[in-house]
Amino acid sequence: FCLMIRRPPRSTQGVSSAASDVYKRQLSTQSTWDLLKQDMVKTYELRTKDEKALVEELGKLKAELAKARIGKVSAAATQVKASKIKVLRKDIARLLTIINEKRRDASALAFKKKKYKPLDQRAKATRAFRRKLTPFQKSRKTLRCLLYTSPSPRDQRGSRMPSSA
């Protein structure tokens, strides 16, 4: 919940209004958020790194998150720690997403020319659509069907099928 105040309310030196306190609090949290935002991991930078470097960075971020959680319990500046924890959790999620993307791409490249693919790389579609006959299977005909549709030397019309007329 955030109050939007356009200008700082008037307060004298001796007396401070509640609205001015809220305004001051908003300014302080915005500035800390801007500072924390600078520390955020950039996605485009992560994509240039290899998987080994990403895993190392993930370990560092997890260790930093553990320290921040411990610091949140013991330190007085809980607001800064809470927002730092939020940034770290988002960074870890961002890092894990990119690691999974890289692994999925490598797996897709490995199975590109293979006959069978892993389940996660197959087209999801619907169950009925996945079980549908392929065009090749649809075009196949039984021996009996071929017999009835093939031209016969006795029949000059080209088919043994009885006419419906």
N, C-alpha and C. Protein backbone atom coordinates (compact mmCIF):
# COMPACT_ATOMS: atom_id res chain seq x y z
N PHE A 1 0.84 -1.17 0.00
CA PHE A 1 0.00 0.00 0.00
C PHE A 1 0.89 1.23 0.00
N CYS A 2 0.68 2.10 -0.95
CA CYS A 2 1.54 3.27 -1.07
C CYS A 2 0.69 4.52 -1.24
N LEU A 3 0.92 5.53 -0.39
CA LEU A 3 0.19 6.79 -0.51
C LEU A 3 0.88 7.69 -1.52
N MET A 4 0.11 8.33 -2.35
CA MET A 4 0.66 9.25 -3.34
C MET A 4 0.43 10.68 -2.84
N ILE A 5 1.48 11.35 -2.45
CA ILE A 5 1.38 12.73 -1.99
C ILE A 5 2.18 13.58 -2.96
N ARG A 6 1.56 14.59 -3.53
CA ARG A 6 2.21 15.39 -4.58
C ARG A 6 3.29 16.32 -4.03
N ARG A 7 3.05 16.97 -2.94
CA ARG A 7 4.04 17.88 -2.37
C ARG A 7 4.19 17.56 -0.88
N PRO A 8 5.35 17.88 -0.32
CA PRO A 8 5.52 17.60 1.10
C PRO A 8 4.61 18.49 1.94
N PRO A 9 3.88 17.91 2.89
CA PRO A 9 3.00 18.71 3.74
C PRO A 9 3.81 19.64 4.64
N ARG A 10 3.18 20.71 5.06
CA ARG A 10 3.87 21.68 5.93
C ARG A 10 3.98 21.12 7.34
N SER A 11 5.13 21.29 7.90
CA SER A 11 5.30 20.93 9.30
C SER A 11 6.29 21.90 9.91
N THR A 12 6.07 22.25 11.13
CA THR A 12 6.97 23.18 11.82
C THR A 12 8.10 22.39 12.45
N GLN A 13 9.05 23.09 12.98
CA GLN A 13 10.19 22.38 13.56
C GLN A 13 9.78 21.56 14.78
N GLY A 14 8.90 22.11 15.54
CA GLY A 14 8.51 21.42 16.77
C GLY A 14 7.49 20.33 16.53
N VAL A 15 6.57 20.56 15.58
CA VAL A 15 5.47 19.63 15.36
C VAL A 15 5.58 19.04 13.96
N SER A 16 5.48 17.76 13.88
CA SER A 16 5.54 17.07 12.59
C SER A 16 4.20 16.37 12.36
N SER A 17 3.63 16.55 11.18
CA SER A 17 2.35 15.92 10.91
C SER A 17 2.56 14.47 10.46
N ALA A 18 1.54 13.66 10.59
CA ALA A 18 1.62 12.25 10.18
C ALA A 18 1.84 12.14 8.68
N ALA A 19 1.22 13.06 7.92
CA ALA A 19 1.36 13.02 6.46
C ALA A 19 2.80 13.31 6.06
N SER A 20 3.47 14.22 6.76
CA SER A 20 4.86 14.51 6.41
C SER A 20 5.75 13.32 6.72
N ASP A 21 5.43 12.59 7.79
CA ASP A 21 6.19 11.38 8.11
C ASP A 21 6.05 10.33 7.02
N VAL A 22 4.83 10.19 6.51
CA VAL A 22 4.60 9.23 5.42
C VAL A 22 5.40 9.63 4.19
N TYR A 23 5.41 10.92 3.90
CA TYR A 23 6.13 11.43 2.73
C TYR A 23 7.63 11.16 2.88
N LYS A 24 8.17 11.40 4.07
CA LYS A 24 9.59 11.15 4.31
C LYS A 24 9.92 9.67 4.16
N ARG A 25 9.02 8.82 4.67
CA ARG A 25 9.22 7.38 4.56
C ARG A 25 9.22 6.94 3.10
N GLN A 26 8.32 7.52 2.30
CA GLN A 26 8.27 7.18 0.88
C GLN A 26 9.57 7.55 0.19
N LEU A 27 10.09 8.73 0.48
CA LEU A 27 11.34 9.16 -0.14
C LEU A 27 12.48 8.24 0.24
N SER A 28 12.54 7.82 1.50
CA SER A 28 13.64 6.96 1.93
C SER A 28 13.55 5.58 1.29
N THR A 29 12.35 5.01 1.16
CA THR A 29 12.24 3.68 0.55
C THR A 29 12.50 3.74 -0.95
N GLN A 30 12.12 4.84 -1.60
CA GLN A 30 12.38 4.96 -3.04
C GLN A 30 13.87 5.03 -3.30
N SER A 31 14.59 5.77 -2.49
CA SER A 31 16.04 5.90 -2.71
C SER A 31 16.74 4.56 -2.45
N THR A 32 16.32 3.81 -1.43
CA THR A 32 16.96 2.50 -1.18
C THR A 32 16.63 1.53 -2.30
N TRP A 33 15.39 1.63 -2.84
CA TRP A 33 15.01 0.74 -3.94
C TRP A 33 15.85 1.04 -5.17
N ASP A 34 16.11 2.35 -5.43
CA ASP A 34 16.94 2.72 -6.57
C ASP A 34 18.36 2.19 -6.40
N LEU A 35 18.87 2.23 -5.18
CA LEU A 35 20.20 1.70 -4.93
C LEU A 35 20.24 0.19 -5.13
N LEU A 36 19.22 -0.49 -4.66
CA LEU A 36 19.17 -1.94 -4.79
C LEU A 36 18.99 -2.35 -6.25
N LYS A 37 18.25 -1.54 -6.99
CA LYS A 37 17.98 -1.86 -8.40
C LYS A 37 19.27 -1.88 -9.22
N GLN A 38 20.24 -1.06 -8.80
CA GLN A 38 21.53 -1.03 -9.50
C GLN A 38 22.26 -2.36 -9.34
N ASP A 39 22.05 -3.03 -8.22
CA ASP A 39 22.73 -4.31 -7.95
C ASP A 39 22.09 -5.48 -8.69
N MET A 40 20.89 -5.26 -9.27
CA MET A 40 20.18 -6.36 -9.93
C MET A 40 20.99 -6.93 -11.09
N VAL A 41 20.87 -8.23 -11.28
CA VAL A 41 21.55 -8.92 -12.37
C VAL A 41 20.81 -8.64 -13.67
N LYS A 42 21.54 -8.27 -14.70
CA LYS A 42 20.93 -7.95 -15.99
C LYS A 42 20.83 -9.23 -16.83
N THR A 43 19.67 -9.47 -17.40
CA THR A 43 19.43 -10.69 -18.16
C THR A 43 20.31 -10.78 -19.40
N TYR A 44 20.45 -9.66 -20.11
CA TYR A 44 21.25 -9.70 -21.34
C TYR A 44 22.73 -10.00 -21.04
N GLU A 45 23.20 -9.63 -19.85
CA GLU A 45 24.58 -9.96 -19.46
C GLU A 45 24.70 -11.45 -19.14
N LEU A 46 23.67 -12.00 -18.52
CA LEU A 46 23.70 -13.42 -18.15
C LEU A 46 23.70 -14.32 -19.38
N ARG A 47 23.00 -13.91 -20.43
CA ARG A 47 22.92 -14.74 -21.64
C ARG A 47 24.26 -14.90 -22.33
N THR A 48 25.18 -13.96 -22.11
CA THR A 48 26.50 -14.05 -22.76
C THR A 48 27.43 -15.02 -22.03
N LYS A 49 27.16 -15.31 -20.76
CA LYS A 49 28.02 -16.19 -19.97
C LYS A 49 27.74 -17.66 -20.26
N ASP A 50 28.74 -18.52 -19.98
CA ASP A 50 28.53 -19.95 -20.14
C ASP A 50 27.90 -20.52 -18.87
N GLU A 51 27.49 -21.78 -18.95
CA GLU A 51 26.72 -22.39 -17.86
C GLU A 51 27.53 -22.50 -16.56
N LYS A 52 28.81 -22.77 -16.70
CA LYS A 52 29.65 -22.93 -15.51
C LYS A 52 29.71 -21.61 -14.71
N ALA A 53 29.87 -20.50 -15.41
CA ALA A 53 29.91 -19.19 -14.75
C ALA A 53 28.56 -18.86 -14.11
N LEU A 54 27.49 -19.26 -14.78
CA LEU A 54 26.15 -19.00 -14.24
C LEU A 54 25.92 -19.78 -12.95
N VAL A 55 26.38 -21.02 -12.91
CA VAL A 55 26.21 -21.85 -11.70
C VAL A 55 27.03 -21.27 -10.54
N GLU A 56 28.24 -20.77 -10.85
CA GLU A 56 29.05 -20.13 -9.81
C GLU A 56 28.34 -18.90 -9.26
N GLU A 57 27.81 -18.08 -10.15
CA GLU A 57 27.10 -16.87 -9.72
C GLU A 57 25.86 -17.23 -8.90
N LEU A 58 25.20 -18.32 -9.26
CA LEU A 58 24.04 -18.78 -8.51
C LEU A 58 24.42 -19.12 -7.07
N GLY A 59 25.56 -19.79 -6.90
CA GLY A 59 26.05 -20.11 -5.56
C GLY A 59 26.34 -18.86 -4.74
N LYS A 60 26.94 -17.85 -5.40
CA LYS A 60 27.24 -16.59 -4.71
C LYS A 60 25.95 -15.90 -4.26
N LEU A 61 24.97 -15.86 -5.17
CA LEU A 61 23.70 -15.20 -4.84
C LEU A 61 22.97 -15.91 -3.70
N LYS A 62 23.02 -17.24 -3.71
CA LYS A 62 22.36 -18.00 -2.63
C LYS A 62 23.03 -17.75 -1.30
N ALA A 63 24.38 -17.66 -1.31
CA ALA A 63 25.11 -17.37 -0.07
C ALA A 63 24.77 -15.96 0.42
N GLU A 64 24.69 -15.01 -0.51
CA GLU A 64 24.34 -13.63 -0.14
C GLU A 64 22.92 -13.55 0.42
N LEU A 65 22.02 -14.34 -0.16
CA LEU A 65 20.64 -14.38 0.33
C LEU A 65 20.59 -14.93 1.75
N ALA A 66 21.37 -15.97 2.02
CA ALA A 66 21.42 -16.54 3.37
C ALA A 66 21.94 -15.51 4.37
N LYS A 67 22.98 -14.76 3.98
CA LYS A 67 23.52 -13.71 4.86
C LYS A 67 22.48 -12.63 5.11
N ALA A 68 21.77 -12.24 4.06
CA ALA A 68 20.75 -11.19 4.20
C ALA A 68 19.62 -11.64 5.11
N ARG A 69 19.25 -12.90 5.03
CA ARG A 69 18.19 -13.42 5.90
C ARG A 69 18.63 -13.43 7.36
N ILE A 70 19.89 -13.80 7.59
CA ILE A 70 20.42 -13.78 8.95
C ILE A 70 20.49 -12.34 9.45
N GLY A 71 20.95 -11.43 8.58
CA GLY A 71 21.06 -10.02 8.93
C GLY A 71 19.71 -9.38 9.21
N LYS A 72 18.68 -9.85 8.54
CA LYS A 72 17.33 -9.32 8.73
C LYS A 72 16.86 -9.58 10.16
N VAL A 73 17.20 -10.75 10.68
CA VAL A 73 16.77 -11.12 12.04
C VAL A 73 17.54 -10.32 13.08
N SER A 74 18.84 -10.11 12.85
CA SER A 74 19.68 -9.49 13.88
C SER A 74 19.80 -7.97 13.76
N ALA A 75 19.77 -7.43 12.54
CA ALA A 75 20.03 -6.00 12.34
C ALA A 75 18.80 -5.14 12.59
N ALA A 76 19.06 -3.84 12.76
CA ALA A 76 17.96 -2.90 13.01
C ALA A 76 17.35 -2.40 11.71
N ALA A 77 18.14 -2.30 10.66
CA ALA A 77 17.66 -1.79 9.37
C ALA A 77 16.95 -2.89 8.60
N THR A 78 15.79 -3.30 9.09
CA THR A 78 15.07 -4.42 8.47
C THR A 78 14.48 -4.06 7.12
N GLN A 79 14.12 -2.78 6.92
CA GLN A 79 13.52 -2.38 5.64
C GLN A 79 14.50 -2.59 4.48
N VAL A 80 15.75 -2.20 4.70
CA VAL A 80 16.77 -2.37 3.67
C VAL A 80 17.01 -3.86 3.42
N LYS A 81 17.09 -4.63 4.47
CA LYS A 81 17.33 -6.07 4.33
C LYS A 81 16.16 -6.75 3.61
N ALA A 82 14.94 -6.33 3.93
CA ALA A 82 13.77 -6.95 3.30
C ALA A 82 13.76 -6.68 1.81
N SER A 83 14.07 -5.44 1.42
CA SER A 83 14.08 -5.14 -0.01
C SER A 83 15.27 -5.79 -0.70
N LYS A 84 16.38 -5.93 0.02
CA LYS A 84 17.56 -6.62 -0.55
C LYS A 84 17.24 -8.10 -0.78
N ILE A 85 16.51 -8.69 0.17
CA ILE A 85 16.10 -10.09 0.03
C ILE A 85 15.22 -10.27 -1.19
N LYS A 86 14.31 -9.33 -1.40
CA LYS A 86 13.42 -9.41 -2.56
C LYS A 86 14.22 -9.36 -3.86
N VAL A 87 15.19 -8.45 -3.93
CA VAL A 87 16.02 -8.32 -5.14
C VAL A 87 16.82 -9.59 -5.36
N LEU A 88 17.38 -10.14 -4.28
CA LEU A 88 18.19 -11.36 -4.41
C LEU A 88 17.35 -12.54 -4.89
N ARG A 89 16.15 -12.67 -4.35
CA ARG A 89 15.27 -13.78 -4.78
C ARG A 89 14.94 -13.66 -6.26
N LYS A 90 14.66 -12.44 -6.72
CA LYS A 90 14.35 -12.23 -8.15
C LYS A 90 15.57 -12.54 -9.01
N ASP A 91 16.77 -12.14 -8.53
CA ASP A 91 18.00 -12.42 -9.28
C ASP A 91 18.24 -13.92 -9.41
N ILE A 92 17.99 -14.64 -8.33
CA ILE A 92 18.18 -16.10 -8.36
C ILE A 92 17.19 -16.73 -9.34
N ALA A 93 15.96 -16.26 -9.31
CA ALA A 93 14.95 -16.79 -10.25
C ALA A 93 15.35 -16.50 -11.69
N ARG A 94 15.84 -15.29 -11.93
CA ARG A 94 16.27 -14.89 -13.27
C ARG A 94 17.42 -15.78 -13.74
N LEU A 95 18.36 -16.03 -12.84
CA LEU A 95 19.53 -16.85 -13.16
C LEU A 95 19.12 -18.29 -13.45
N LEU A 96 18.23 -18.84 -12.63
CA LEU A 96 17.77 -20.22 -12.85
C LEU A 96 17.02 -20.35 -14.17
N THR A 97 16.25 -19.33 -14.52
CA THR A 97 15.52 -19.34 -15.79
C THR A 97 16.49 -19.43 -16.95
N ILE A 98 17.54 -18.64 -16.91
CA ILE A 98 18.50 -18.63 -18.02
C ILE A 98 19.29 -19.93 -18.07
N ILE A 99 19.63 -20.49 -16.91
CA ILE A 99 20.32 -21.79 -16.89
C ILE A 99 19.43 -22.86 -17.52
N ASN A 100 18.15 -22.87 -17.17
CA ASN A 100 17.22 -23.86 -17.75
C ASN A 100 17.06 -23.65 -19.25
N GLU A 101 16.99 -22.41 -19.70
CA GLU A 101 16.89 -22.13 -21.14
C GLU A 101 18.10 -22.68 -21.87
N LYS A 102 19.29 -22.43 -21.33
CA LYS A 102 20.53 -22.90 -21.97
C LYS A 102 20.55 -24.43 -22.03
N ARG A 103 20.13 -25.09 -20.95
CA ARG A 103 20.12 -26.56 -20.93
C ARG A 103 19.11 -27.11 -21.93
N ARG A 104 17.94 -26.46 -22.00
CA ARG A 104 16.91 -26.89 -22.95
C ARG A 104 17.38 -26.73 -24.39
N ASP A 105 18.06 -25.61 -24.69
CA ASP A 105 18.57 -25.38 -26.04
C ASP A 105 19.64 -26.41 -26.41
N ALA A 106 20.53 -26.73 -25.45
CA ALA A 106 21.57 -27.72 -25.70
C ALA A 106 20.95 -29.09 -25.95
N SER A 107 19.93 -29.43 -25.18
CA SER A 107 19.25 -30.71 -25.36
C SER A 107 18.54 -30.77 -26.71
N ALA A 108 17.92 -29.67 -27.10
CA ALA A 108 17.22 -29.63 -28.40
C ALA A 108 18.22 -29.80 -29.53
N LEU A 109 19.40 -29.21 -29.39
CA LEU A 109 20.43 -29.33 -30.42
C LEU A 109 20.93 -30.77 -30.50
N ALA A 110 21.07 -31.43 -29.35
CA ALA A 110 21.56 -32.81 -29.32
C ALA A 110 20.57 -33.78 -29.95
N PHE A 111 19.27 -33.53 -29.79
CA PHE A 111 18.25 -34.45 -30.29
C PHE A 111 17.63 -34.00 -31.62
N LYS A 112 18.25 -33.02 -32.27
CA LYS A 112 17.65 -32.45 -33.48
C LYS A 112 17.48 -33.49 -34.59
N LYS A 113 18.50 -34.29 -34.84
CA LYS A 113 18.48 -35.25 -35.94
C LYS A 113 18.04 -36.66 -35.51
N LYS A 114 17.73 -36.83 -34.25
CA LYS A 114 17.34 -38.15 -33.75
C LYS A 114 15.90 -38.48 -34.11
N LYS A 115 15.59 -39.76 -34.08
CA LYS A 115 14.23 -40.20 -34.41
C LYS A 115 13.26 -39.86 -33.29
N TYR A 116 13.68 -40.08 -32.05
CA TYR A 116 12.81 -39.80 -30.90
C TYR A 116 13.38 -38.64 -30.09
N LYS A 117 12.47 -37.82 -29.55
CA LYS A 117 12.86 -36.68 -28.72
C LYS A 117 12.38 -36.91 -27.29
N PRO A 118 13.02 -36.26 -26.33
CA PRO A 118 12.51 -36.34 -24.95
C PRO A 118 11.11 -35.73 -24.87
N LEU A 119 10.35 -36.14 -23.88
CA LEU A 119 8.96 -35.70 -23.76
C LEU A 119 8.81 -34.20 -23.67
N ASP A 120 9.74 -33.54 -22.97
CA ASP A 120 9.61 -32.09 -22.82
C ASP A 120 9.88 -31.32 -24.11
N GLN A 121 10.47 -31.99 -25.11
CA GLN A 121 10.74 -31.31 -26.38
C GLN A 121 9.70 -31.62 -27.45
N ARG A 122 8.83 -32.56 -27.18
CA ARG A 122 7.80 -32.88 -28.16
C ARG A 122 6.70 -31.83 -28.12
N ALA A 123 5.98 -31.72 -29.24
CA ALA A 123 4.88 -30.76 -29.29
C ALA A 123 3.79 -31.18 -28.32
N LYS A 124 3.33 -30.25 -27.52
CA LYS A 124 2.32 -30.59 -26.50
C LYS A 124 0.98 -30.87 -27.15
N ALA A 125 0.42 -29.91 -27.88
CA ALA A 125 -0.88 -30.06 -28.56
C ALA A 125 -1.92 -30.65 -27.60
N THR A 126 -2.85 -31.41 -28.13
CA THR A 126 -3.83 -32.09 -27.28
C THR A 126 -3.60 -33.58 -27.41
N ARG A 127 -4.15 -34.33 -26.50
CA ARG A 127 -3.94 -35.78 -26.51
C ARG A 127 -4.48 -36.40 -27.80
N ALA A 128 -5.67 -35.96 -28.22
CA ALA A 128 -6.28 -36.49 -29.43
C ALA A 128 -5.44 -36.12 -30.66
N PHE A 129 -4.92 -34.91 -30.68
CA PHE A 129 -4.12 -34.46 -31.82
C PHE A 129 -2.83 -35.25 -31.92
N ARG A 130 -2.22 -35.58 -30.77
CA ARG A 130 -0.98 -36.36 -30.78
C ARG A 130 -1.22 -37.78 -31.27
N ARG A 131 -2.42 -38.31 -31.05
CA ARG A 131 -2.72 -39.68 -31.46
C ARG A 131 -3.32 -39.79 -32.86
N LYS A 132 -3.51 -38.64 -33.48
CA LYS A 132 -4.11 -38.60 -34.81
C LYS A 132 -3.21 -39.31 -35.83
N LEU A 133 -3.81 -39.91 -36.85
CA LEU A 133 -3.03 -40.58 -37.89
C LEU A 133 -2.23 -39.56 -38.70
N THR A 134 -1.05 -39.98 -39.11
CA THR A 134 -0.23 -39.12 -39.96
C THR A 134 -0.78 -39.18 -41.38
N PRO A 135 -0.44 -38.23 -42.25
CA PRO A 135 -0.92 -38.28 -43.64
C PRO A 135 -0.52 -39.58 -44.35
N PHE A 136 0.68 -40.10 -44.04
CA PHE A 136 1.11 -41.36 -44.64
C PHE A 136 0.21 -42.51 -44.22
N GLN A 137 -0.12 -42.56 -42.91
CA GLN A 137 -0.99 -43.62 -42.41
C GLN A 137 -2.39 -43.50 -42.98
N LYS A 138 -2.87 -42.28 -43.18
CA LYS A 138 -4.20 -42.09 -43.76
C LYS A 138 -4.26 -42.58 -45.19
N SER A 139 -3.18 -42.41 -45.92
CA SER A 139 -3.19 -42.78 -47.35
C SER A 139 -3.04 -44.28 -47.59
N ARG A 140 -2.66 -45.04 -46.56
CA ARG A 140 -2.49 -46.49 -46.71
C ARG A 140 -3.84 -47.15 -46.97
N LYS A 141 -3.85 -48.17 -47.82
CA LYS A 141 -5.10 -48.89 -48.12
C LYS A 141 -4.89 -50.37 -47.89
N THR A 142 -5.95 -51.06 -47.50
CA THR A 142 -5.88 -52.50 -47.28
C THR A 142 -5.85 -53.22 -48.63
N LEU A 143 -5.49 -54.47 -48.60
CA LEU A 143 -5.43 -55.27 -49.82
C LEU A 143 -6.80 -55.38 -50.46
N ARG A 144 -7.82 -55.54 -49.62
CA ARG A 144 -9.19 -55.66 -50.13
C ARG A 144 -9.63 -54.37 -50.83
N CYS A 145 -9.29 -53.24 -50.23
CA CYS A 145 -9.65 -51.96 -50.83
C CYS A 145 -8.93 -51.78 -52.16
N LEU A 146 -7.67 -52.19 -52.21
CA LEU A 146 -6.91 -52.08 -53.46
C LEU A 146 -7.54 -52.97 -54.54
N LEU A 147 -7.99 -54.17 -54.15
CA LEU A 147 -8.61 -55.10 -55.09
C LEU A 147 -9.87 -54.50 -55.71
N TYR A 148 -10.68 -53.88 -54.87
CA TYR A 148 -11.94 -53.34 -55.36
C TYR A 148 -11.78 -52.06 -56.17
N THR A 149 -10.72 -51.33 -55.90
CA THR A 149 -10.54 -50.06 -56.63
C THR A 149 -9.64 -50.21 -57.85
N SER A 150 -8.93 -51.33 -57.97
CA SER A 150 -8.03 -51.49 -59.12
C SER A 150 -8.83 -51.85 -60.37
N PRO A 151 -8.36 -51.40 -61.55
CA PRO A 151 -9.08 -51.73 -62.80
C PRO A 151 -9.01 -53.23 -63.10
N SER A 152 -10.10 -53.78 -63.60
CA SER A 152 -10.17 -55.20 -63.92
C SER A 152 -10.21 -55.37 -65.45
N PRO A 153 -9.58 -56.42 -65.97
CA PRO A 153 -9.64 -56.62 -67.43
C PRO A 153 -11.06 -56.94 -67.91
N ARG A 154 -11.91 -57.54 -67.04
CA ARG A 154 -13.28 -57.85 -67.45
C ARG A 154 -14.15 -56.60 -67.48
N ASP A 155 -13.80 -55.65 -66.61
CA ASP A 155 -14.64 -54.47 -66.48
C ASP A 155 -14.00 -53.31 -67.22
N GLN A 156 -14.64 -52.79 -68.22
CA GLN A 156 -14.09 -51.70 -69.02
C GLN A 156 -14.29 -50.34 -68.34
N ARG A 157 -15.17 -50.28 -67.38
CA ARG A 157 -15.40 -48.99 -66.71
C ARG A 157 -14.23 -48.63 -65.78
N GLY A 158 -13.38 -49.55 -65.44
CA GLY A 158 -12.22 -49.25 -64.62
C GLY A 158 -12.36 -49.58 -63.15
N SER A 159 -13.52 -50.10 -62.73
CA SER A 159 -13.67 -50.42 -61.32
C SER A 159 -14.64 -51.58 -61.15
N ARG A 160 -14.44 -52.37 -60.11
CA ARG A 160 -15.34 -53.47 -59.82
C ARG A 160 -16.47 -53.03 -58.90
N MET A 161 -16.34 -51.85 -58.34
CA MET A 161 -17.34 -51.37 -57.40
C MET A 161 -18.68 -51.25 -58.11
N PRO A 162 -19.75 -51.78 -57.51
CA PRO A 162 -21.07 -51.65 -58.12
C PRO A 162 -21.50 -50.20 -58.18
N SER A 163 -22.06 -49.83 -59.28
CA SER A 163 -22.47 -48.43 -59.44
C SER A 163 -23.74 -48.16 -58.62
N SER A 164 -23.88 -46.95 -58.15
CA SER A 164 -25.02 -46.61 -57.29
C SER A 164 -26.21 -46.17 -58.13
N ALA A 165 -26.06 -46.06 -59.45
CA ALA A 165 -27.18 -45.61 -60.30
C ALA A 165 -28.12 -46.70 -60.66
